[in-house]
Amino acid sequence: EALRLTQQQIENQRIAIHIDLDPALPLLNGNLQQLSQIAVNLLMN
């Protein structure tokens, strides 16, 4: 979700993004919107 919001901006700056997401990653009890906000903030930084 964070990449959908930021990927275009990042790649427009000629920055390569390497994605390595574990497909077997367990689920957790949390808030998807908040966790996505963390990822957005870190990607923009």
ModelCIF file with pLDDT and N, C-alpha, C, O atoms, coordinates in Angstrom:
data_MODEL
#
_entry.id   MODEL 
#
_entity.id                         1 
_entity.type                       polymer 
_entity.pdbx_number_of_molecules   1 
#
_entity_poly.entity_id                      1 
_entity_poly.type                           'polypeptide(L)' 
_entity_poly.nstd_linkage                   no 
_entity_poly.nstd_monomer                   no 
_entity_poly.pdbx_seq_one_letter_code       EALRLTQQQIENQRIAIHIDLDPALPLLNGNLQQLSQIAVNLLMN 
_entity_poly.pdbx_seq_one_letter_code_can   EALRLTQQQIENQRIAIHIDLDPALPLLNGNLQQLSQIAVNLLMN 
_entity_poly.pdbx_strand_id                 A 
#
loop_
_entity_poly_seq.entity_id 
_entity_poly_seq.num 
_entity_poly_seq.mon_id 
_entity_poly_seq.hetero 
1 1  GLU n 
1 2  ALA n 
1 3  LEU n 
1 4  ARG n 
1 5  LEU n 
1 6  THR n 
1 7  GLN n 
1 8  GLN n 
1 9  GLN n 
1 10 ILE n 
1 11 GLU n 
1 12 ASN n 
1 13 GLN n 
1 14 ARG n 
1 15 ILE n 
1 16 ALA n 
1 17 ILE n 
1 18 HIS n 
1 19 ILE n 
1 20 ASP n 
1 21 LEU n 
1 22 ASP n 
1 23 PRO n 
1 24 ALA n 
1 25 LEU n 
1 26 PRO n 
1 27 LEU n 
1 28 LEU n 
1 29 ASN n 
1 30 GLY n 
1 31 ASN n 
1 32 LEU n 
1 33 GLN n 
1 34 GLN n 
1 35 LEU n 
1 36 SER n 
1 37 GLN n 
1 38 ILE n 
1 39 ALA n 
1 40 VAL n 
1 41 ASN n 
1 42 LEU n 
1 43 LEU n 
1 44 MET n 
1 45 ASN n 
#
_struct_asym.id          A 
_struct_asym.entity_id   1 
#
loop_
_ma_qa_metric.id 
_ma_qa_metric.mode 
_ma_qa_metric.name 
_ma_qa_metric.software_group_id 
_ma_qa_metric.type 
1 global pLDDT . pLDDT 
2 local  pLDDT . pLDDT 
#
_ma_qa_metric_global.metric_id      1 
_ma_qa_metric_global.metric_value   86.78 
_ma_qa_metric_global.model_id       1 
_ma_qa_metric_global.ordinal_id     1 
#
loop_
_ma_qa_metric_local.label_asym_id 
_ma_qa_metric_local.label_comp_id 
_ma_qa_metric_local.label_seq_id 
_ma_qa_metric_local.metric_id 
_ma_qa_metric_local.metric_value 
_ma_qa_metric_local.model_id 
_ma_qa_metric_local.ordinal_id 
A GLU 1  2 82.00 1 1  
A ALA 2  2 83.00 1 2  
A LEU 3  2 86.00 1 3  
A ARG 4  2 79.00 1 4  
A LEU 5  2 72.00 1 5  
A THR 6  2 81.00 1 6  
A GLN 7  2 84.00 1 7  
A GLN 8  2 80.00 1 8  
A GLN 9  2 83.00 1 9  
A ILE 10 2 87.00 1 10 
A GLU 11 2 86.00 1 11 
A ASN 12 2 84.00 1 12 
A GLN 13 2 85.00 1 13 
A ARG 14 2 86.00 1 14 
A ILE 15 2 89.00 1 15 
A ALA 16 2 90.00 1 16 
A ILE 17 2 91.00 1 17 
A HIS 18 2 92.00 1 18 
A ILE 19 2 91.00 1 19 
A ASP 20 2 92.00 1 20 
A LEU 21 2 92.00 1 21 
A ASP 22 2 92.00 1 22 
A PRO 23 2 91.00 1 23 
A ALA 24 2 90.00 1 24 
A LEU 25 2 92.00 1 25 
A PRO 26 2 92.00 1 26 
A LEU 27 2 91.00 1 27 
A LEU 28 2 91.00 1 28 
A ASN 29 2 89.00 1 29 
A GLY 30 2 89.00 1 30 
A ASN 31 2 86.00 1 31 
A LEU 32 2 85.00 1 32 
A GLN 33 2 79.00 1 33 
A GLN 34 2 84.00 1 34 
A LEU 35 2 90.00 1 35 
A SER 36 2 85.00 1 36 
A GLN 37 2 84.00 1 37 
A ILE 38 2 89.00 1 38 
A ALA 39 2 90.00 1 39 
A VAL 40 2 85.00 1 40 
A ASN 41 2 86.00 1 41 
A LEU 42 2 89.00 1 42 
A LEU 43 2 90.00 1 43 
A MET 44 2 87.00 1 44 
A ASN 45 2 84.00 1 45 
#
loop_
_atom_site.group_PDB 
_atom_site.id 
_atom_site.type_symbol 
_atom_site.label_atom_id 
_atom_site.label_alt_id 
_atom_site.label_comp_id 
_atom_site.label_asym_id 
_atom_site.label_entity_id 
_atom_site.label_seq_id 
_atom_site.pdbx_PDB_ins_code 
_atom_site.Cartn_x 
_atom_site.Cartn_y 
_atom_site.Cartn_z 
_atom_site.occupancy 
_atom_site.B_iso_or_equiv 
_atom_site.pdbx_formal_charge 
_atom_site.auth_seq_id 
_atom_site.auth_comp_id 
_atom_site.auth_asym_id 
_atom_site.auth_atom_id 
_atom_site.pdbx_PDB_model_num 
ATOM 1   N N  . GLU A 1 1  ? 0.831  -1.197  0.000   1.00 82.00 ? 1  GLU A N  1 
ATOM 2   C CA . GLU A 1 1  ? 0.000  0.000   0.000   1.00 82.00 ? 1  GLU A CA 1 
ATOM 3   C C  . GLU A 1 1  ? 0.872  1.256   0.000   1.00 82.00 ? 1  GLU A C  1 
ATOM 4   O O  . GLU A 1 1  ? 0.575  2.218   -0.708  1.00 82.00 ? 1  GLU A O  1 
ATOM 5   N N  . ALA A 1 2  ? 1.945  1.248   0.792   1.00 83.00 ? 2  ALA A N  1 
ATOM 6   C CA . ALA A 1 2  ? 2.850  2.393   0.825   1.00 83.00 ? 2  ALA A CA 1 
ATOM 7   C C  . ALA A 1 2  ? 3.535  2.600   -0.518  1.00 83.00 ? 2  ALA A C  1 
ATOM 8   O O  . ALA A 1 2  ? 3.730  3.738   -0.946  1.00 83.00 ? 2  ALA A O  1 
ATOM 9   N N  . LEU A 1 3  ? 3.901  1.512   -1.185  1.00 86.00 ? 3  LEU A N  1 
ATOM 10  C CA . LEU A 1 3  ? 4.554  1.636   -2.489  1.00 86.00 ? 3  LEU A CA 1 
ATOM 11  C C  . LEU A 1 3  ? 3.610  2.207   -3.545  1.00 86.00 ? 3  LEU A C  1 
ATOM 12  O O  . LEU A 1 3  ? 4.039  2.944   -4.433  1.00 86.00 ? 3  LEU A O  1 
ATOM 13  N N  . ARG A 1 4  ? 2.317  1.864   -3.445  1.00 79.00 ? 4  ARG A N  1 
ATOM 14  C CA . ARG A 1 4  ? 1.357  2.419   -4.395  1.00 79.00 ? 4  ARG A CA 1 
ATOM 15  C C  . ARG A 1 4  ? 1.300  3.947   -4.296  1.00 79.00 ? 4  ARG A C  1 
ATOM 16  O O  . ARG A 1 4  ? 1.030  4.642   -5.275  1.00 79.00 ? 4  ARG A O  1 
ATOM 17  N N  . LEU A 1 5  ? 1.566  4.453   -3.068  1.00 72.00 ? 5  LEU A N  1 
ATOM 18  C CA . LEU A 1 5  ? 1.502  5.895   -2.853  1.00 72.00 ? 5  LEU A CA 1 
ATOM 19  C C  . LEU A 1 5  ? 2.819  6.595   -3.167  1.00 72.00 ? 5  LEU A C  1 
ATOM 20  O O  . LEU A 1 5  ? 2.821  7.780   -3.501  1.00 72.00 ? 5  LEU A O  1 
ATOM 21  N N  . THR A 1 6  ? 3.931  5.888   -3.068  1.00 81.00 ? 6  THR A N  1 
ATOM 22  C CA . THR A 1 6  ? 5.229  6.564   -3.139  1.00 81.00 ? 6  THR A CA 1 
ATOM 23  C C  . THR A 1 6  ? 6.126  6.100   -4.273  1.00 81.00 ? 6  THR A C  1 
ATOM 24  O O  . THR A 1 6  ? 7.070  6.805   -4.626  1.00 81.00 ? 6  THR A O  1 
ATOM 25  N N  . GLN A 1 7  ? 5.864  4.942   -4.852  1.00 84.00 ? 7  GLN A N  1 
ATOM 26  C CA . GLN A 1 7  ? 6.809  4.363   -5.814  1.00 84.00 ? 7  GLN A CA 1 
ATOM 27  C C  . GLN A 1 7  ? 7.055  5.278   -6.999  1.00 84.00 ? 7  GLN A C  1 
ATOM 28  O O  . GLN A 1 7  ? 8.193  5.437   -7.441  1.00 84.00 ? 7  GLN A O  1 
ATOM 29  N N  . GLN A 1 8  ? 5.974  5.890   -7.521  1.00 80.00 ? 8  GLN A N  1 
ATOM 30  C CA . GLN A 1 8  ? 6.133  6.749   -8.676  1.00 80.00 ? 8  GLN A CA 1 
ATOM 31  C C  . GLN A 1 8  ? 7.026  7.949   -8.359  1.00 80.00 ? 8  GLN A C  1 
ATOM 32  O O  . GLN A 1 8  ? 7.890  8.318   -9.154  1.00 80.00 ? 8  GLN A O  1 
ATOM 33  N N  . GLN A 1 9  ? 6.804  8.560   -7.174  1.00 83.00 ? 9  GLN A N  1 
ATOM 34  C CA . GLN A 1 9  ? 7.631  9.705   -6.773  1.00 83.00 ? 9  GLN A CA 1 
ATOM 35  C C  . GLN A 1 9  ? 9.096  9.306   -6.654  1.00 83.00 ? 9  GLN A C  1 
ATOM 36  O O  . GLN A 1 9  ? 9.987  10.039  -7.084  1.00 83.00 ? 9  GLN A O  1 
ATOM 37  N N  . ILE A 1 10 ? 9.332  8.154   -6.075  1.00 87.00 ? 10 ILE A N  1 
ATOM 38  C CA . ILE A 1 10 ? 10.718 7.710   -5.859  1.00 87.00 ? 10 ILE A CA 1 
ATOM 39  C C  . ILE A 1 10 ? 11.405 7.433   -7.197  1.00 87.00 ? 10 ILE A C  1 
ATOM 40  O O  . ILE A 1 10 ? 12.534 7.869   -7.421  1.00 87.00 ? 10 ILE A O  1 
ATOM 41  N N  . GLU A 1 11 ? 10.725 6.712   -8.077  1.00 86.00 ? 11 GLU A N  1 
ATOM 42  C CA . GLU A 1 11 ? 11.347 6.351   -9.347  1.00 86.00 ? 11 GLU A CA 1 
ATOM 43  C C  . GLU A 1 11 ? 11.536 7.567   -10.246 1.00 86.00 ? 11 GLU A C  1 
ATOM 44  O O  . GLU A 1 11 ? 12.434 7.578   -11.087 1.00 86.00 ? 11 GLU A O  1 
ATOM 45  N N  . ASN A 1 12 ? 10.695 8.597   -10.078 1.00 84.00 ? 12 ASN A N  1 
ATOM 46  C CA . ASN A 1 12 ? 10.881 9.833   -10.844 1.00 84.00 ? 12 ASN A CA 1 
ATOM 47  C C  . ASN A 1 12 ? 12.208 10.508  -10.503 1.00 84.00 ? 12 ASN A C  1 
ATOM 48  O O  . ASN A 1 12 ? 12.726 11.288  -11.302 1.00 84.00 ? 12 ASN A O  1 
ATOM 49  N N  . GLN A 1 13 ? 12.764 10.216  -9.324  1.00 85.00 ? 13 GLN A N  1 
ATOM 50  C CA . GLN A 1 13 ? 14.053 10.767  -8.908  1.00 85.00 ? 13 GLN A CA 1 
ATOM 51  C C  . GLN A 1 13 ? 15.208 9.840   -9.288  1.00 85.00 ? 13 GLN A C  1 
ATOM 52  O O  . GLN A 1 13 ? 16.325 9.966   -8.786  1.00 85.00 ? 13 GLN A O  1 
ATOM 53  N N  . ARG A 1 14 ? 14.900 8.893   -10.202 1.00 86.00 ? 14 ARG A N  1 
ATOM 54  C CA . ARG A 1 14 ? 15.907 7.931   -10.674 1.00 86.00 ? 14 ARG A CA 1 
ATOM 55  C C  . ARG A 1 14 ? 16.539 7.137   -9.516  1.00 86.00 ? 14 ARG A C  1 
ATOM 56  O O  . ARG A 1 14 ? 17.749 6.923   -9.446  1.00 86.00 ? 14 ARG A O  1 
ATOM 57  N N  . ILE A 1 15 ? 15.654 6.725   -8.631  1.00 89.00 ? 15 ILE A N  1 
ATOM 58  C CA . ILE A 1 15 ? 16.066 5.893   -7.487  1.00 89.00 ? 15 ILE A CA 1 
ATOM 59  C C  . ILE A 1 15 ? 15.501 4.499   -7.702  1.00 89.00 ? 15 ILE A C  1 
ATOM 60  O O  . ILE A 1 15 ? 14.290 4.338   -7.851  1.00 89.00 ? 15 ILE A O  1 
ATOM 61  N N  . ALA A 1 16 ? 16.362 3.494   -7.719  1.00 90.00 ? 16 ALA A N  1 
ATOM 62  C CA . ALA A 1 16 ? 15.925 2.105   -7.912  1.00 90.00 ? 16 ALA A CA 1 
ATOM 63  C C  . ALA A 1 16 ? 15.383 1.537   -6.601  1.00 90.00 ? 16 ALA A C  1 
ATOM 64  O O  . ALA A 1 16 ? 15.950 1.757   -5.531  1.00 90.00 ? 16 ALA A O  1 
ATOM 65  N N  . ILE A 1 17 ? 14.281 0.807   -6.708  1.00 91.00 ? 17 ILE A N  1 
ATOM 66  C CA . ILE A 1 17 ? 13.665 0.179   -5.529  1.00 91.00 ? 17 ILE A CA 1 
ATOM 67  C C  . ILE A 1 17 ? 13.806 -1.333  -5.675  1.00 91.00 ? 17 ILE A C  1 
ATOM 68  O O  . ILE A 1 17 ? 13.374 -1.912  -6.672  1.00 91.00 ? 17 ILE A O  1 
ATOM 69  N N  . HIS A 1 18 ? 14.408 -1.958  -4.686  1.00 92.00 ? 18 HIS A N  1 
ATOM 70  C CA . HIS A 1 18 ? 14.560 -3.414  -4.638  1.00 92.00 ? 18 HIS A CA 1 
ATOM 71  C C  . HIS A 1 18 ? 13.640 -3.951  -3.546  1.00 92.00 ? 18 HIS A C  1 
ATOM 72  O O  . HIS A 1 18 ? 13.776 -3.599  -2.374  1.00 92.00 ? 18 HIS A O  1 
ATOM 73  N N  . ILE A 1 19 ? 12.713 -4.798  -3.943  1.00 91.00 ? 19 ILE A N  1 
ATOM 74  C CA . ILE A 1 19 ? 11.681 -5.286  -3.020  1.00 91.00 ? 19 ILE A CA 1 
ATOM 75  C C  . ILE A 1 19 ? 11.932 -6.765  -2.718  1.00 91.00 ? 19 ILE A C  1 
ATOM 76  O O  . ILE A 1 19 ? 12.023 -7.584  -3.632  1.00 91.00 ? 19 ILE A O  1 
ATOM 77  N N  . ASP A 1 20 ? 12.041 -7.090  -1.460  1.00 92.00 ? 20 ASP A N  1 
ATOM 78  C CA . ASP A 1 20 ? 12.295 -8.471  -1.011  1.00 92.00 ? 20 ASP A CA 1 
ATOM 79  C C  . ASP A 1 20 ? 11.331 -8.781  0.133   1.00 92.00 ? 20 ASP A C  1 
ATOM 80  O O  . ASP A 1 20 ? 11.695 -8.716  1.307   1.00 92.00 ? 20 ASP A O  1 
ATOM 81  N N  . LEU A 1 21 ? 10.095 -9.119  -0.233  1.00 92.00 ? 21 LEU A N  1 
ATOM 82  C CA . LEU A 1 21 ? 9.060  -9.399  0.760   1.00 92.00 ? 21 LEU A CA 1 
ATOM 83  C C  . LEU A 1 21 ? 8.938  -10.907 0.949   1.00 92.00 ? 21 LEU A C  1 
ATOM 84  O O  . LEU A 1 21 ? 8.821  -11.652 -0.024  1.00 92.00 ? 21 LEU A O  1 
ATOM 85  N N  . ASP A 1 22 ? 8.963  -11.342 2.168   1.00 92.00 ? 22 ASP A N  1 
ATOM 86  C CA . ASP A 1 22 ? 8.864  -12.764 2.479   1.00 92.00 ? 22 ASP A CA 1 
ATOM 87  C C  . ASP A 1 22 ? 7.438  -13.241 2.195   1.00 92.00 ? 22 ASP A C  1 
ATOM 88  O O  . ASP A 1 22 ? 6.507  -12.805 2.872   1.00 92.00 ? 22 ASP A O  1 
ATOM 89  N N  . PRO A 1 23 ? 7.241  -14.132 1.205   1.00 91.00 ? 23 PRO A N  1 
ATOM 90  C CA . PRO A 1 23 ? 5.870  -14.575 0.884   1.00 91.00 ? 23 PRO A CA 1 
ATOM 91  C C  . PRO A 1 23 ? 5.224  -15.395 1.997   1.00 91.00 ? 23 PRO A C  1 
ATOM 92  O O  . PRO A 1 23 ? 3.999  -15.495 2.066   1.00 91.00 ? 23 PRO A O  1 
ATOM 93  N N  . ALA A 1 24 ? 6.047  -15.982 2.870   1.00 90.00 ? 24 ALA A N  1 
ATOM 94  C CA . ALA A 1 24 ? 5.508  -16.795 3.962   1.00 90.00 ? 24 ALA A CA 1 
ATOM 95  C C  . ALA A 1 24 ? 5.410  -16.012 5.264   1.00 90.00 ? 24 ALA A C  1 
ATOM 96  O O  . ALA A 1 24 ? 5.337  -16.596 6.345   1.00 90.00 ? 24 ALA A O  1 
ATOM 97  N N  . LEU A 1 25 ? 5.408  -14.674 5.152   1.00 92.00 ? 25 LEU A N  1 
ATOM 98  C CA . LEU A 1 25 ? 5.385  -13.851 6.352   1.00 92.00 ? 25 LEU A CA 1 
ATOM 99  C C  . LEU A 1 25 ? 4.064  -14.049 7.104   1.00 92.00 ? 25 LEU A C  1 
ATOM 100 O O  . LEU A 1 25 ? 2.994  -13.927 6.507   1.00 92.00 ? 25 LEU A O  1 
ATOM 101 N N  . PRO A 1 26 ? 4.125  -14.352 8.402   1.00 92.00 ? 26 PRO A N  1 
ATOM 102 C CA . PRO A 1 26 ? 2.874  -14.561 9.157   1.00 92.00 ? 26 PRO A CA 1 
ATOM 103 C C  . PRO A 1 26 ? 2.071  -13.267 9.276   1.00 92.00 ? 26 PRO A C  1 
ATOM 104 O O  . PRO A 1 26 ? 2.613  -12.166 9.179   1.00 92.00 ? 26 PRO A O  1 
ATOM 105 N N  . LEU A 1 27 ? 0.758  -13.431 9.491   1.00 91.00 ? 27 LEU A N  1 
ATOM 106 C CA . LEU A 1 27 ? -0.099 -12.279 9.739   1.00 91.00 ? 27 LEU A CA 1 
ATOM 107 C C  . LEU A 1 27 ? 0.097  -11.797 11.164  1.00 91.00 ? 27 LEU A C  1 
ATOM 108 O O  . LEU A 1 27 ? 0.600  -12.532 12.014  1.00 91.00 ? 27 LEU A O  1 
ATOM 109 N N  . LEU A 1 28 ? -0.302 -10.563 11.422  1.00 91.00 ? 28 LEU A N  1 
ATOM 110 C CA . LEU A 1 28 ? -0.190 -10.016 12.766  1.00 91.00 ? 28 LEU A CA 1 
ATOM 111 C C  . LEU A 1 28 ? -1.472 -9.291  13.132  1.00 91.00 ? 28 LEU A C  1 
ATOM 112 O O  . LEU A 1 28 ? -2.305 -9.009  12.270  1.00 91.00 ? 28 LEU A O  1 
ATOM 113 N N  . ASN A 1 29 ? -1.623 -8.997  14.391  1.00 89.00 ? 29 ASN A N  1 
ATOM 114 C CA . ASN A 1 29 ? -2.764 -8.237  14.881  1.00 89.00 ? 29 ASN A CA 1 
ATOM 115 C C  . ASN A 1 29 ? -2.357 -6.776  14.942  1.00 89.00 ? 29 ASN A C  1 
ATOM 116 O O  . ASN A 1 29 ? -1.605 -6.378  15.833  1.00 89.00 ? 29 ASN A O  1 
ATOM 117 N N  . GLY A 1 30 ? -2.849 -5.965  13.995  1.00 89.00 ? 30 GLY A N  1 
ATOM 118 C CA . GLY A 1 30 ? -2.446 -4.574  13.942  1.00 89.00 ? 30 GLY A CA 1 
ATOM 119 C C  . GLY A 1 30 ? -3.390 -3.765  13.077  1.00 89.00 ? 30 GLY A C  1 
ATOM 120 O O  . GLY A 1 30 ? -4.484 -4.217  12.741  1.00 89.00 ? 30 GLY A O  1 
ATOM 121 N N  . ASN A 1 31 ? -2.965 -2.578  12.723  1.00 86.00 ? 31 ASN A N  1 
ATOM 122 C CA . ASN A 1 31 ? -3.763 -1.690  11.895  1.00 86.00 ? 31 ASN A CA 1 
ATOM 123 C C  . ASN A 1 31 ? -3.028 -1.446  10.592  1.00 86.00 ? 31 ASN A C  1 
ATOM 124 O O  . ASN A 1 31 ? -1.939 -0.871  10.580  1.00 86.00 ? 31 ASN A O  1 
ATOM 125 N N  . LEU A 1 32 ? -3.632 -1.889  9.487   1.00 85.00 ? 32 LEU A N  1 
ATOM 126 C CA . LEU A 1 32 ? -2.979 -1.819  8.196   1.00 85.00 ? 32 LEU A CA 1 
ATOM 127 C C  . LEU A 1 32 ? -2.671 -0.377  7.805   1.00 85.00 ? 32 LEU A C  1 
ATOM 128 O O  . LEU A 1 32 ? -1.604 -0.100  7.259   1.00 85.00 ? 32 LEU A O  1 
ATOM 129 N N  . GLN A 1 33 ? -3.605 0.552   8.083   1.00 79.00 ? 33 GLN A N  1 
ATOM 130 C CA . GLN A 1 33 ? -3.406 1.940   7.702   1.00 79.00 ? 33 GLN A CA 1 
ATOM 131 C C  . GLN A 1 33 ? -2.218 2.552   8.439   1.00 79.00 ? 33 GLN A C  1 
ATOM 132 O O  . GLN A 1 33 ? -1.404 3.261   7.850   1.00 79.00 ? 33 GLN A O  1 
ATOM 133 N N  . GLN A 1 34 ? -2.133 2.263   9.748   1.00 84.00 ? 34 GLN A N  1 
ATOM 134 C CA . GLN A 1 34 ? -1.023 2.814   10.531  1.00 84.00 ? 34 GLN A CA 1 
ATOM 135 C C  . GLN A 1 34 ? 0.316  2.230   10.078  1.00 84.00 ? 34 GLN A C  1 
ATOM 136 O O  . GLN A 1 34 ? 1.300  2.956   9.937   1.00 84.00 ? 34 GLN A O  1 
ATOM 137 N N  . LEU A 1 35 ? 0.347  0.917   9.851   1.00 90.00 ? 35 LEU A N  1 
ATOM 138 C CA . LEU A 1 35 ? 1.588  0.287   9.413   1.00 90.00 ? 35 LEU A CA 1 
ATOM 139 C C  . LEU A 1 35 ? 2.008  0.815   8.041   1.00 90.00 ? 35 LEU A C  1 
ATOM 140 O O  . LEU A 1 35 ? 3.195  1.000   7.774   1.00 90.00 ? 35 LEU A O  1 
ATOM 141 N N  . SER A 1 36 ? 1.033  1.050   7.187   1.00 85.00 ? 36 SER A N  1 
ATOM 142 C CA . SER A 1 36 ? 1.339  1.625   5.884   1.00 85.00 ? 36 SER A CA 1 
ATOM 143 C C  . SER A 1 36 ? 1.901  3.034   6.031   1.00 85.00 ? 36 SER A C  1 
ATOM 144 O O  . SER A 1 36 ? 2.779  3.441   5.270   1.00 85.00 ? 36 SER A O  1 
ATOM 145 N N  . GLN A 1 37 ? 1.388  3.785   7.023   1.00 84.00 ? 37 GLN A N  1 
ATOM 146 C CA . GLN A 1 37 ? 1.906  5.139   7.252   1.00 84.00 ? 37 GLN A CA 1 
ATOM 147 C C  . GLN A 1 37 ? 3.378  5.110   7.657   1.00 84.00 ? 37 GLN A C  1 
ATOM 148 O O  . GLN A 1 37 ? 4.157  5.967   7.240   1.00 84.00 ? 37 GLN A O  1 
ATOM 149 N N  . ILE A 1 38 ? 3.759  4.120   8.472   1.00 89.00 ? 38 ILE A N  1 
ATOM 150 C CA . ILE A 1 38 ? 5.172  3.988   8.845   1.00 89.00 ? 38 ILE A CA 1 
ATOM 151 C C  . ILE A 1 38 ? 6.020  3.767   7.591   1.00 89.00 ? 38 ILE A C  1 
ATOM 152 O O  . ILE A 1 38 ? 7.046  4.420   7.401   1.00 89.00 ? 38 ILE A O  1 
ATOM 153 N N  . ALA A 1 39 ? 5.573  2.830   6.732   1.00 90.00 ? 39 ALA A N  1 
ATOM 154 C CA . ALA A 1 39 ? 6.342  2.529   5.523   1.00 90.00 ? 39 ALA A CA 1 
ATOM 155 C C  . ALA A 1 39 ? 6.444  3.752   4.617   1.00 90.00 ? 39 ALA A C  1 
ATOM 156 O O  . ALA A 1 39 ? 7.499  4.019   4.042   1.00 90.00 ? 39 ALA A O  1 
ATOM 157 N N  . VAL A 1 40 ? 5.331  4.501   4.489   1.00 85.00 ? 40 VAL A N  1 
ATOM 158 C CA . VAL A 1 40 ? 5.355  5.713   3.665   1.00 85.00 ? 40 VAL A CA 1 
ATOM 159 C C  . VAL A 1 40 ? 6.382  6.707   4.207   1.00 85.00 ? 40 VAL A C  1 
ATOM 160 O O  . VAL A 1 40 ? 7.186  7.255   3.453   1.00 85.00 ? 40 VAL A O  1 
ATOM 161 N N  . ASN A 1 41 ? 6.347  6.933   5.524   1.00 86.00 ? 41 ASN A N  1 
ATOM 162 C CA . ASN A 1 41 ? 7.271  7.894   6.130   1.00 86.00 ? 41 ASN A CA 1 
ATOM 163 C C  . ASN A 1 41 ? 8.717  7.479   5.913   1.00 86.00 ? 41 ASN A C  1 
ATOM 164 O O  . ASN A 1 41 ? 9.559  8.317   5.591   1.00 86.00 ? 41 ASN A O  1 
ATOM 165 N N  . LEU A 1 42 ? 9.015  6.195   6.084   1.00 89.00 ? 42 LEU A N  1 
ATOM 166 C CA . LEU A 1 42 ? 10.385 5.725   5.928   1.00 89.00 ? 42 LEU A CA 1 
ATOM 167 C C  . LEU A 1 42 ? 10.832 5.794   4.471   1.00 89.00 ? 42 LEU A C  1 
ATOM 168 O O  . LEU A 1 42 ? 11.976 6.149   4.189   1.00 89.00 ? 42 LEU A O  1 
ATOM 169 N N  . LEU A 1 43 ? 9.935  5.457   3.545   1.00 90.00 ? 43 LEU A N  1 
ATOM 170 C CA . LEU A 1 43 ? 10.290 5.527   2.129   1.00 90.00 ? 43 LEU A CA 1 
ATOM 171 C C  . LEU A 1 43 ? 10.531 6.966   1.691   1.00 90.00 ? 43 LEU A C  1 
ATOM 172 O O  . LEU A 1 43 ? 11.468 7.237   0.940   1.00 90.00 ? 43 LEU A O  1 
ATOM 173 N N  . MET A 1 44 ? 9.686  7.897   2.158   1.00 87.00 ? 44 MET A N  1 
ATOM 174 C CA . MET A 1 44 ? 9.871  9.291   1.777   1.00 87.00 ? 44 MET A CA 1 
ATOM 175 C C  . MET A 1 44 ? 11.148 9.865   2.383   1.00 87.00 ? 44 MET A C  1 
ATOM 176 O O  . MET A 1 44 ? 11.826 10.673  1.748   1.00 87.00 ? 44 MET A O  1 
ATOM 177 N N  . ASN A 1 45 ? 11.478 9.457   3.602   1.00 84.00 ? 45 ASN A N  1 
ATOM 178 C CA . ASN A 1 45 ? 12.742 9.899   4.215   1.00 84.00 ? 45 ASN A CA 1 
ATOM 179 C C  . ASN A 1 45 ? 13.936 9.389   3.419   1.00 84.00 ? 45 ASN A C  1 
ATOM 180 O O  . ASN A 1 45 ? 15.081 9.659   3.782   1.00 84.00 ? 45 ASN A O  1 
#
